[in-house]
Amino acid sequence: MKIWNEIWDYVKMIIIVVVVVLVINNVVLINAKIPSESMENTIMTGDRIFGFRLAYGFNMNVFGNEISKKWKDPERFDIVIFKYPDDESQLFIKRIIGLPGDKVEIKDGKVYLNDSETPLDDSFVPETPLGSFGPYEVPENCYFMMGDNRNNSKDSRYWQNTYVRFDQIVGKAEIRYFPSIKLLN
């Protein structure tokens, strides 16, 4: 009888560990591998990152009921993981450039907001971007995304559905943990 009690204790411990890991992975953190060069040199192809799912709030479906709570707005330059607007089965990672209500225009590779004469700081962009795009008027509750490697990024400039809605944001990228540790935001 004592052996069965010990076995049952181990089974309970394993169940608890599995439940905790599932909750952390599905509610708190998102683990992602970077598939492309669109965010280089900030995040390199093949890097592994953790994102914080609860950075801006939460949006869950519990037994068919939508439960959501927003406690913080995403900010310009945040690096976020989101559902690709043209195919929500895919996750993308990009930097927020345009906020709700912004007018975004790219002239000769430089980003201008709200008719400003001064381009947006792009010190994180590894090479001089090419091209002119826009203007784009970012709708309420939506965001305009761009990769840091602007010349090699499939981002808001090219998507059929240009903007990322707040409810499509899965989490805020916080830390690269492989091949080395680096804070991202």
N, C-alpha and C. Protein backbone atom coordinates (compact mmCIF):
# COMPACT_ATOMS: atom_id res chain seq x y z
N MET A 1 0.82 -1.20 0.00
CA MET A 1 0.00 0.00 0.00
C MET A 1 0.86 1.26 0.00
N LYS A 2 1.98 1.22 0.72
CA LYS A 2 2.86 2.37 0.80
C LYS A 2 3.43 2.73 -0.58
N ILE A 3 3.77 1.72 -1.37
CA ILE A 3 4.33 1.96 -2.70
C ILE A 3 3.33 2.69 -3.59
N TRP A 4 2.03 2.32 -3.47
CA TRP A 4 1.00 2.98 -4.28
C TRP A 4 0.83 4.44 -3.88
N ASN A 5 0.96 4.73 -2.60
CA ASN A 5 0.89 6.13 -2.14
C ASN A 5 2.04 6.95 -2.72
N GLU A 6 3.24 6.35 -2.75
CA GLU A 6 4.39 7.05 -3.31
C GLU A 6 4.22 7.26 -4.82
N ILE A 7 3.73 6.24 -5.50
CA ILE A 7 3.49 6.37 -6.94
C ILE A 7 2.45 7.46 -7.20
N TRP A 8 1.37 7.45 -6.42
CA TRP A 8 0.32 8.47 -6.57
C TRP A 8 0.88 9.86 -6.31
N ASP A 9 1.76 10.02 -5.33
CA ASP A 9 2.40 11.32 -5.07
C ASP A 9 3.20 11.79 -6.28
N TYR A 10 3.94 10.88 -6.91
CA TYR A 10 4.71 11.24 -8.11
C TYR A 10 3.78 11.62 -9.26
N VAL A 11 2.71 10.87 -9.44
CA VAL A 11 1.75 11.16 -10.51
C VAL A 11 1.14 12.55 -10.29
N LYS A 12 0.74 12.87 -9.06
CA LYS A 12 0.18 14.19 -8.77
C LYS A 12 1.19 15.29 -9.07
N MET A 13 2.45 15.06 -8.69
CA MET A 13 3.49 16.05 -8.94
C MET A 13 3.68 16.27 -10.44
N ILE A 14 3.68 15.19 -11.21
CA ILE A 14 3.84 15.31 -12.66
C ILE A 14 2.66 16.06 -13.27
N ILE A 15 1.45 15.76 -12.82
CA ILE A 15 0.26 16.45 -13.31
C ILE A 15 0.35 17.94 -13.01
N ILE A 16 0.75 18.30 -11.81
CA ILE A 16 0.87 19.71 -11.43
C ILE A 16 1.91 20.41 -12.30
N VAL A 17 3.06 19.77 -12.52
CA VAL A 17 4.11 20.37 -13.36
C VAL A 17 3.59 20.58 -14.78
N VAL A 18 2.92 19.58 -15.34
CA VAL A 18 2.39 19.70 -16.70
C VAL A 18 1.38 20.84 -16.79
N VAL A 19 0.47 20.94 -15.83
CA VAL A 19 -0.52 22.02 -15.83
C VAL A 19 0.15 23.38 -15.72
N VAL A 20 1.13 23.52 -14.84
CA VAL A 20 1.84 24.80 -14.68
C VAL A 20 2.55 25.18 -15.98
N VAL A 21 3.23 24.23 -16.60
CA VAL A 21 3.93 24.50 -17.86
C VAL A 21 2.94 24.91 -18.95
N LEU A 22 1.82 24.22 -19.04
CA LEU A 22 0.80 24.57 -20.04
C LEU A 22 0.24 25.97 -19.81
N VAL A 23 -0.04 26.32 -18.56
CA VAL A 23 -0.55 27.65 -18.25
C VAL A 23 0.48 28.72 -18.61
N ILE A 24 1.72 28.51 -18.21
CA ILE A 24 2.77 29.49 -18.51
C ILE A 24 2.92 29.64 -20.02
N ASN A 25 2.95 28.53 -20.75
CA ASN A 25 3.17 28.58 -22.20
C ASN A 25 1.97 29.14 -22.96
N ASN A 26 0.77 28.95 -22.48
CA ASN A 26 -0.42 29.39 -23.21
C ASN A 26 -1.05 30.67 -22.69
N VAL A 27 -0.68 31.11 -21.50
CA VAL A 27 -1.28 32.30 -20.92
C VAL A 27 -0.25 33.39 -20.65
N VAL A 28 0.94 33.03 -20.24
CA VAL A 28 1.93 34.02 -19.80
C VAL A 28 3.00 34.30 -20.85
N LEU A 29 3.64 33.26 -21.37
CA LEU A 29 4.76 33.43 -22.30
C LEU A 29 4.43 32.86 -23.67
N ILE A 30 5.12 33.39 -24.67
CA ILE A 30 5.10 32.78 -26.00
C ILE A 30 6.55 32.56 -26.40
N ASN A 31 6.83 31.38 -26.88
CA ASN A 31 8.17 30.99 -27.31
C ASN A 31 8.17 31.00 -28.83
N ALA A 32 9.12 31.70 -29.45
CA ALA A 32 9.14 31.79 -30.90
C ALA A 32 10.55 31.65 -31.45
N LYS A 33 10.63 31.05 -32.63
CA LYS A 33 11.90 30.97 -33.37
C LYS A 33 11.77 31.91 -34.57
N ILE A 34 12.78 32.73 -34.80
CA ILE A 34 12.73 33.72 -35.86
C ILE A 34 13.06 33.05 -37.20
N PRO A 35 12.10 33.08 -38.16
CA PRO A 35 12.29 32.34 -39.41
C PRO A 35 12.96 33.13 -40.54
N SER A 36 13.07 34.45 -40.40
CA SER A 36 13.56 35.25 -41.52
C SER A 36 14.46 36.38 -41.05
N GLU A 37 15.01 37.09 -42.01
CA GLU A 37 15.94 38.18 -41.71
C GLU A 37 15.25 39.53 -41.54
N SER A 38 13.93 39.58 -41.44
CA SER A 38 13.21 40.85 -41.46
C SER A 38 13.50 41.75 -40.25
N MET A 39 13.98 41.19 -39.14
CA MET A 39 14.27 42.02 -37.95
C MET A 39 15.77 42.16 -37.68
N GLU A 40 16.62 41.72 -38.62
CA GLU A 40 18.07 41.86 -38.43
C GLU A 40 18.43 43.35 -38.44
N ASN A 41 19.33 43.79 -37.68
CA ASN A 41 20.28 43.16 -36.79
C ASN A 41 19.79 43.07 -35.35
N THR A 42 18.57 43.48 -35.09
CA THR A 42 18.03 43.39 -33.73
C THR A 42 17.83 41.94 -33.32
N ILE A 43 17.18 41.18 -34.17
CA ILE A 43 16.94 39.75 -33.95
C ILE A 43 17.35 39.04 -35.24
N MET A 44 18.19 38.03 -35.10
CA MET A 44 18.74 37.34 -36.27
C MET A 44 17.93 36.09 -36.61
N THR A 45 18.02 35.68 -37.88
CA THR A 45 17.38 34.44 -38.32
C THR A 45 17.85 33.28 -37.45
N GLY A 46 16.91 32.50 -36.94
CA GLY A 46 17.25 31.35 -36.09
C GLY A 46 17.27 31.66 -34.61
N ASP A 47 17.25 32.95 -34.23
CA ASP A 47 17.20 33.29 -32.80
C ASP A 47 15.92 32.75 -32.19
N ARG A 48 15.98 32.48 -30.90
CA ARG A 48 14.79 32.07 -30.14
C ARG A 48 14.49 33.15 -29.12
N ILE A 49 13.22 33.48 -29.02
CA ILE A 49 12.82 34.56 -28.12
C ILE A 49 11.63 34.14 -27.26
N PHE A 50 11.50 34.84 -26.13
CA PHE A 50 10.31 34.76 -25.31
C PHE A 50 9.57 36.08 -25.43
N GLY A 51 8.26 35.98 -25.59
CA GLY A 51 7.40 37.15 -25.55
C GLY A 51 6.48 37.03 -24.36
N PHE A 52 6.05 38.18 -23.84
CA PHE A 52 5.15 38.22 -22.69
C PHE A 52 3.74 38.45 -23.20
N ARG A 53 2.89 37.42 -23.08
CA ARG A 53 1.52 37.50 -23.60
C ARG A 53 0.66 38.54 -22.87
N LEU A 54 0.98 38.81 -21.62
CA LEU A 54 0.14 39.70 -20.81
C LEU A 54 0.66 41.14 -20.78
N ALA A 55 1.55 41.51 -21.69
CA ALA A 55 2.15 42.85 -21.68
C ALA A 55 1.11 43.96 -21.83
N TYR A 56 0.09 43.72 -22.64
CA TYR A 56 -0.91 44.77 -22.91
C TYR A 56 -2.29 44.42 -22.36
N GLY A 57 -2.46 43.22 -21.88
CA GLY A 57 -3.75 42.75 -21.40
C GLY A 57 -3.90 41.30 -21.79
N PHE A 58 -5.12 40.84 -21.87
CA PHE A 58 -5.33 39.46 -22.30
C PHE A 58 -6.62 39.37 -23.10
N ASN A 59 -6.67 38.35 -23.93
CA ASN A 59 -7.82 38.09 -24.77
C ASN A 59 -7.94 36.57 -24.87
N MET A 60 -8.90 35.99 -24.17
CA MET A 60 -9.03 34.54 -24.14
C MET A 60 -10.45 34.11 -24.48
N ASN A 61 -10.54 32.91 -25.01
CA ASN A 61 -11.83 32.30 -25.27
C ASN A 61 -11.98 31.15 -24.30
N VAL A 62 -12.89 31.29 -23.34
CA VAL A 62 -13.10 30.27 -22.32
C VAL A 62 -14.50 29.68 -22.51
N PHE A 63 -14.53 28.43 -22.92
CA PHE A 63 -15.79 27.72 -23.14
C PHE A 63 -16.74 28.52 -24.04
N GLY A 64 -16.18 29.10 -25.12
CA GLY A 64 -16.99 29.83 -26.08
C GLY A 64 -17.26 31.28 -25.71
N ASN A 65 -16.81 31.70 -24.55
CA ASN A 65 -17.02 33.09 -24.13
C ASN A 65 -15.72 33.88 -24.27
N GLU A 66 -15.80 35.02 -24.95
CA GLU A 66 -14.63 35.88 -25.14
C GLU A 66 -14.42 36.72 -23.89
N ILE A 67 -13.23 36.59 -23.31
CA ILE A 67 -12.87 37.37 -22.13
C ILE A 67 -11.65 38.21 -22.49
N SER A 68 -11.75 39.51 -22.36
CA SER A 68 -10.60 40.35 -22.68
C SER A 68 -10.51 41.52 -21.72
N LYS A 69 -9.28 41.94 -21.50
CA LYS A 69 -9.01 43.08 -20.64
C LYS A 69 -7.74 43.74 -21.16
N LYS A 70 -7.82 45.01 -21.45
CA LYS A 70 -6.67 45.77 -21.93
C LYS A 70 -6.23 46.70 -20.81
N TRP A 71 -4.94 46.62 -20.42
CA TRP A 71 -4.48 47.51 -19.36
C TRP A 71 -3.34 48.41 -19.80
N LYS A 72 -2.83 48.22 -20.99
CA LYS A 72 -1.74 49.07 -21.46
C LYS A 72 -1.78 49.10 -22.98
N ASP A 73 -1.58 50.28 -23.55
CA ASP A 73 -1.51 50.39 -25.00
C ASP A 73 -0.10 50.06 -25.48
N PRO A 74 0.01 49.35 -26.60
CA PRO A 74 1.32 49.17 -27.21
C PRO A 74 1.92 50.53 -27.56
N GLU A 75 3.24 50.61 -27.50
CA GLU A 75 3.93 51.88 -27.76
C GLU A 75 4.76 51.79 -29.03
N ARG A 76 5.01 52.96 -29.60
CA ARG A 76 5.86 53.03 -30.78
C ARG A 76 7.22 52.41 -30.46
N PHE A 77 7.73 51.64 -31.38
CA PHE A 77 9.02 50.94 -31.31
C PHE A 77 8.97 49.64 -30.51
N ASP A 78 7.84 49.31 -29.87
CA ASP A 78 7.73 47.99 -29.24
C ASP A 78 7.90 46.92 -30.32
N ILE A 79 8.60 45.85 -29.97
CA ILE A 79 8.70 44.70 -30.86
C ILE A 79 7.65 43.70 -30.39
N VAL A 80 6.73 43.36 -31.30
CA VAL A 80 5.61 42.51 -30.89
C VAL A 80 5.47 41.28 -31.79
N ILE A 81 4.89 40.25 -31.21
CA ILE A 81 4.54 39.03 -31.92
C ILE A 81 3.03 39.11 -32.15
N PHE A 82 2.62 38.86 -33.39
CA PHE A 82 1.20 39.04 -33.72
C PHE A 82 0.78 38.05 -34.80
N LYS A 83 -0.54 37.91 -34.92
CA LYS A 83 -1.11 37.09 -35.99
C LYS A 83 -1.06 37.90 -37.28
N TYR A 84 -0.44 37.32 -38.30
CA TYR A 84 -0.31 37.98 -39.60
C TYR A 84 -1.70 38.32 -40.13
N PRO A 85 -1.98 39.59 -40.43
CA PRO A 85 -3.33 40.00 -40.82
C PRO A 85 -3.88 39.29 -42.07
N ASP A 86 -3.00 38.85 -42.98
CA ASP A 86 -3.47 38.18 -44.19
C ASP A 86 -3.66 36.67 -44.02
N ASP A 87 -3.16 36.12 -42.91
CA ASP A 87 -3.31 34.69 -42.61
C ASP A 87 -3.04 34.50 -41.11
N GLU A 88 -4.09 34.54 -40.31
CA GLU A 88 -3.92 34.54 -38.85
C GLU A 88 -3.36 33.24 -38.30
N SER A 89 -3.18 32.23 -39.13
CA SER A 89 -2.54 31.00 -38.65
C SER A 89 -1.02 31.17 -38.53
N GLN A 90 -0.49 32.25 -39.10
CA GLN A 90 0.95 32.53 -39.03
C GLN A 90 1.24 33.62 -38.00
N LEU A 91 2.34 33.46 -37.27
CA LEU A 91 2.78 34.49 -36.35
C LEU A 91 3.95 35.25 -36.96
N PHE A 92 3.92 36.58 -36.84
CA PHE A 92 4.99 37.44 -37.31
C PHE A 92 5.55 38.21 -36.12
N ILE A 93 6.76 38.73 -36.30
CA ILE A 93 7.35 39.62 -35.30
C ILE A 93 7.89 40.84 -36.03
N LYS A 94 7.46 42.01 -35.59
CA LYS A 94 7.87 43.28 -36.20
C LYS A 94 7.89 44.36 -35.12
N ARG A 95 8.32 45.54 -35.53
CA ARG A 95 8.36 46.70 -34.64
C ARG A 95 7.16 47.60 -34.96
N ILE A 96 6.50 48.11 -33.91
CA ILE A 96 5.39 49.04 -34.10
C ILE A 96 5.97 50.40 -34.53
N ILE A 97 5.48 50.89 -35.66
CA ILE A 97 5.91 52.20 -36.17
C ILE A 97 4.76 53.20 -36.07
N GLY A 98 3.58 52.80 -36.53
CA GLY A 98 2.43 53.70 -36.51
C GLY A 98 1.41 53.28 -35.47
N LEU A 99 0.96 54.26 -34.69
CA LEU A 99 -0.05 54.05 -33.65
C LEU A 99 -1.43 54.46 -34.18
N PRO A 100 -2.51 54.08 -33.49
CA PRO A 100 -3.84 54.49 -33.93
C PRO A 100 -3.92 56.01 -34.11
N GLY A 101 -4.46 56.42 -35.27
CA GLY A 101 -4.61 57.84 -35.57
C GLY A 101 -3.41 58.46 -36.28
N ASP A 102 -2.29 57.76 -36.34
CA ASP A 102 -1.09 58.29 -37.01
C ASP A 102 -1.26 58.29 -38.53
N LYS A 103 -0.58 59.25 -39.15
CA LYS A 103 -0.39 59.24 -40.60
C LYS A 103 1.06 58.85 -40.82
N VAL A 104 1.29 57.74 -41.52
CA VAL A 104 2.64 57.22 -41.76
C VAL A 104 2.95 57.37 -43.24
N GLU A 105 4.11 57.97 -43.52
CA GLU A 105 4.56 58.10 -44.90
C GLU A 105 6.05 57.80 -44.97
N ILE A 106 6.43 57.01 -45.97
CA ILE A 106 7.84 56.67 -46.16
C ILE A 106 8.30 57.37 -47.43
N LYS A 107 9.31 58.25 -47.28
CA LYS A 107 9.87 58.99 -48.41
C LYS A 107 11.36 58.66 -48.51
N ASP A 108 11.75 58.11 -49.65
CA ASP A 108 13.16 57.73 -49.86
C ASP A 108 13.70 56.91 -48.70
N GLY A 109 12.88 55.99 -48.20
CA GLY A 109 13.29 55.08 -47.13
C GLY A 109 13.15 55.61 -45.72
N LYS A 110 12.89 56.88 -45.55
CA LYS A 110 12.74 57.49 -44.22
C LYS A 110 11.27 57.55 -43.85
N VAL A 111 10.96 57.27 -42.58
CA VAL A 111 9.58 57.26 -42.09
C VAL A 111 9.24 58.62 -41.48
N TYR A 112 8.12 59.18 -41.91
CA TYR A 112 7.62 60.45 -41.39
C TYR A 112 6.24 60.21 -40.79
N LEU A 113 6.00 60.81 -39.65
CA LEU A 113 4.71 60.67 -38.97
C LEU A 113 3.97 62.00 -38.92
N ASN A 114 2.69 61.96 -39.21
CA ASN A 114 1.79 63.08 -39.01
C ASN A 114 2.30 64.37 -39.65
N ASP A 115 2.79 64.27 -40.89
CA ASP A 115 3.27 65.40 -41.69
C ASP A 115 4.47 66.12 -41.08
N SER A 116 5.19 65.47 -40.20
CA SER A 116 6.40 66.06 -39.62
C SER A 116 7.46 66.22 -40.70
N GLU A 117 8.30 67.24 -40.56
CA GLU A 117 9.42 67.46 -41.47
C GLU A 117 10.63 66.62 -41.05
N THR A 118 10.60 66.12 -39.82
CA THR A 118 11.72 65.35 -39.27
C THR A 118 11.40 63.86 -39.35
N PRO A 119 12.30 63.07 -39.95
CA PRO A 119 12.02 61.63 -40.02
C PRO A 119 12.13 60.97 -38.64
N LEU A 120 11.45 59.86 -38.51
CA LEU A 120 11.47 59.06 -37.29
C LEU A 120 12.88 58.51 -37.07
N ASP A 121 13.31 58.44 -35.81
CA ASP A 121 14.61 57.85 -35.50
C ASP A 121 14.61 56.40 -35.97
N ASP A 122 15.61 56.04 -36.74
CA ASP A 122 15.70 54.66 -37.21
C ASP A 122 17.12 54.12 -37.01
N SER A 123 17.69 54.45 -35.88
CA SER A 123 19.06 54.02 -35.58
C SER A 123 19.19 52.50 -35.51
N PHE A 124 18.08 51.80 -35.35
CA PHE A 124 18.08 50.34 -35.27
C PHE A 124 18.02 49.69 -36.66
N VAL A 125 17.86 50.50 -37.71
CA VAL A 125 17.79 49.98 -39.08
C VAL A 125 19.22 49.79 -39.60
N PRO A 126 19.58 48.55 -40.03
CA PRO A 126 20.98 48.25 -40.35
C PRO A 126 21.53 48.89 -41.62
N GLU A 127 20.66 49.21 -42.59
CA GLU A 127 21.15 49.82 -43.83
C GLU A 127 20.12 50.83 -44.33
N THR A 128 20.54 51.68 -45.23
CA THR A 128 19.65 52.72 -45.74
C THR A 128 18.49 52.07 -46.49
N PRO A 129 17.25 52.30 -46.00
CA PRO A 129 16.09 51.71 -46.67
C PRO A 129 15.83 52.37 -48.02
N LEU A 130 15.18 51.64 -48.89
CA LEU A 130 14.84 52.13 -50.22
C LEU A 130 13.34 52.32 -50.33
N GLY A 131 12.92 53.20 -51.23
CA GLY A 131 11.53 53.30 -51.60
C GLY A 131 10.72 54.34 -50.86
N SER A 132 9.56 54.63 -51.47
CA SER A 132 8.59 55.55 -50.90
C SER A 132 7.24 54.85 -50.88
N PHE A 133 6.51 55.00 -49.79
CA PHE A 133 5.23 54.33 -49.60
C PHE A 133 4.28 55.26 -48.85
N GLY A 134 3.01 55.08 -49.09
CA GLY A 134 2.01 55.81 -48.32
C GLY A 134 1.55 57.07 -49.04
N PRO A 135 0.85 57.91 -48.30
CA PRO A 135 0.64 57.87 -46.85
C PRO A 135 -0.40 56.83 -46.43
N TYR A 136 -0.26 56.38 -45.18
CA TYR A 136 -1.17 55.44 -44.55
C TYR A 136 -1.81 56.12 -43.36
N GLU A 137 -3.11 56.01 -43.23
CA GLU A 137 -3.83 56.53 -42.06
C GLU A 137 -4.16 55.33 -41.17
N VAL A 138 -3.51 55.25 -40.01
CA VAL A 138 -3.69 54.09 -39.13
C VAL A 138 -5.04 54.19 -38.43
N PRO A 139 -5.93 53.21 -38.63
CA PRO A 139 -7.25 53.24 -37.99
C PRO A 139 -7.17 53.06 -36.47
N GLU A 140 -8.25 53.41 -35.81
CA GLU A 140 -8.34 53.18 -34.37
C GLU A 140 -8.16 51.70 -34.08
N ASN A 141 -7.50 51.42 -32.96
CA ASN A 141 -7.30 50.05 -32.49
C ASN A 141 -6.39 49.23 -33.41
N CYS A 142 -5.61 49.91 -34.27
CA CYS A 142 -4.72 49.23 -35.21
C CYS A 142 -3.32 49.82 -35.16
N TYR A 143 -2.37 49.07 -35.74
CA TYR A 143 -0.95 49.45 -35.69
C TYR A 143 -0.31 49.19 -37.04
N PHE A 144 0.67 50.03 -37.39
CA PHE A 144 1.45 49.89 -38.62
C PHE A 144 2.79 49.31 -38.24
N MET A 145 3.14 48.16 -38.83
CA MET A 145 4.35 47.41 -38.45
C MET A 145 5.40 47.47 -39.55
N MET A 146 6.66 47.51 -39.11
CA MET A 146 7.77 47.40 -40.06
C MET A 146 8.88 46.57 -39.42
N GLY A 147 9.59 45.84 -40.28
CA GLY A 147 10.77 45.12 -39.84
C GLY A 147 11.95 46.07 -39.78
N ASP A 148 12.94 45.75 -38.95
CA ASP A 148 14.14 46.59 -38.86
C ASP A 148 14.98 46.49 -40.12
N ASN A 149 14.97 45.35 -40.77
CA ASN A 149 15.71 45.14 -42.01
C ASN A 149 14.76 45.53 -43.15
N ARG A 150 14.54 46.82 -43.29
CA ARG A 150 13.47 47.36 -44.14
C ARG A 150 13.51 46.88 -45.58
N ASN A 151 14.70 46.66 -46.11
CA ASN A 151 14.81 46.23 -47.51
C ASN A 151 14.50 44.74 -47.69
N ASN A 152 14.36 44.01 -46.60
CA ASN A 152 14.08 42.57 -46.65
C ASN A 152 12.99 42.20 -45.66
N SER A 153 11.95 42.99 -45.59
CA SER A 153 10.89 42.74 -44.63
C SER A 153 9.52 42.77 -45.30
N LYS A 154 8.78 41.69 -45.11
CA LYS A 154 7.38 41.65 -45.54
C LYS A 154 6.58 42.24 -44.38
N ASP A 155 6.15 43.48 -44.52
CA ASP A 155 5.50 44.17 -43.40
C ASP A 155 4.29 44.97 -43.89
N SER A 156 3.79 45.88 -43.07
CA SER A 156 2.56 46.62 -43.38
C SER A 156 2.57 47.26 -44.76
N ARG A 157 3.74 47.63 -45.26
CA ARG A 157 3.82 48.27 -46.58
C ARG A 157 3.34 47.35 -47.70
N TYR A 158 3.40 46.05 -47.50
CA TYR A 158 3.14 45.08 -48.57
C TYR A 158 1.91 44.19 -48.35
N TRP A 159 1.35 44.21 -47.15
CA TRP A 159 0.25 43.31 -46.85
C TRP A 159 -1.05 43.77 -47.51
N GLN A 160 -1.91 42.81 -47.82
CA GLN A 160 -3.24 43.13 -48.32
C GLN A 160 -4.04 43.84 -47.22
N ASN A 161 -3.98 43.29 -46.00
CA ASN A 161 -4.59 43.93 -44.83
C ASN A 161 -3.46 44.67 -44.11
N THR A 162 -3.34 45.94 -44.37
CA THR A 162 -2.17 46.74 -44.00
C THR A 162 -1.90 46.79 -42.51
N TYR A 163 -2.93 46.79 -41.69
CA TYR A 163 -2.76 47.08 -40.26
C TYR A 163 -2.97 45.85 -39.39
N VAL A 164 -2.35 45.88 -38.22
CA VAL A 164 -2.52 44.83 -37.22
C VAL A 164 -3.47 45.36 -36.15
N ARG A 165 -4.58 44.66 -35.95
CA ARG A 165 -5.52 45.05 -34.89
C ARG A 165 -4.95 44.68 -33.52
N PHE A 166 -5.39 45.40 -32.51
CA PHE A 166 -4.93 45.11 -31.15
C PHE A 166 -5.17 43.65 -30.78
N ASP A 167 -6.33 43.11 -31.14
CA ASP A 167 -6.64 41.72 -30.76
C ASP A 167 -5.79 40.70 -31.51
N GLN A 168 -5.04 41.12 -32.53
CA GLN A 168 -4.13 40.21 -33.24
C GLN A 168 -2.74 40.17 -32.59
N ILE A 169 -2.47 41.09 -31.67
CA ILE A 169 -1.18 41.10 -30.99
C ILE A 169 -1.19 39.99 -29.94
N VAL A 170 -0.23 39.08 -30.05
CA VAL A 170 -0.14 37.92 -29.16
C VAL A 170 0.71 38.24 -27.94
N GLY A 171 1.75 39.05 -28.12
CA GLY A 171 2.61 39.39 -26.99
C GLY A 171 3.71 40.35 -27.40
N LYS A 172 4.39 40.84 -26.40
CA LYS A 172 5.51 41.75 -26.60
C LYS A 172 6.80 40.95 -26.47
N ALA A 173 7.66 41.03 -27.49
CA ALA A 173 8.94 40.33 -27.45
C ALA A 173 9.80 40.96 -26.36
N GLU A 174 10.29 40.14 -25.45
CA GLU A 174 11.03 40.67 -24.30
C GLU A 174 12.49 40.26 -24.27
N ILE A 175 12.78 39.00 -24.61
CA ILE A 175 14.15 38.53 -24.43
C ILE A 175 14.51 37.50 -25.50
N ARG A 176 15.70 37.66 -26.04
CA ARG A 176 16.27 36.61 -26.88
C ARG A 176 17.05 35.71 -25.95
N TYR A 177 16.79 34.40 -26.00
CA TYR A 177 17.49 33.49 -25.09
C TYR A 177 18.44 32.54 -25.82
N PHE A 178 18.40 32.52 -27.16
CA PHE A 178 19.33 31.69 -27.91
C PHE A 178 19.66 32.41 -29.20
N PRO A 179 20.89 32.49 -29.60
CA PRO A 179 22.08 31.80 -29.09
C PRO A 179 22.71 32.47 -27.86
N SER A 180 22.29 33.68 -27.56
CA SER A 180 22.77 34.34 -26.34
C SER A 180 21.62 35.16 -25.78
N ILE A 181 21.77 35.61 -24.56
CA ILE A 181 20.70 36.36 -23.90
C ILE A 181 20.82 37.84 -24.24
N LYS A 182 19.67 38.44 -24.63
CA LYS A 182 19.63 39.86 -24.97
C LYS A 182 18.22 40.37 -24.70
N LEU A 183 18.10 41.49 -23.97
CA LEU A 183 16.80 42.12 -23.77
C LEU A 183 16.41 42.85 -25.05
N LEU A 184 15.14 42.76 -25.44
CA LEU A 184 14.70 43.32 -26.72
C LEU A 184 13.97 44.64 -26.60
N ASN A 185 13.19 44.85 -25.57
CA ASN A 185 12.40 46.08 -25.46
C ASN A 185 12.82 46.87 -24.24
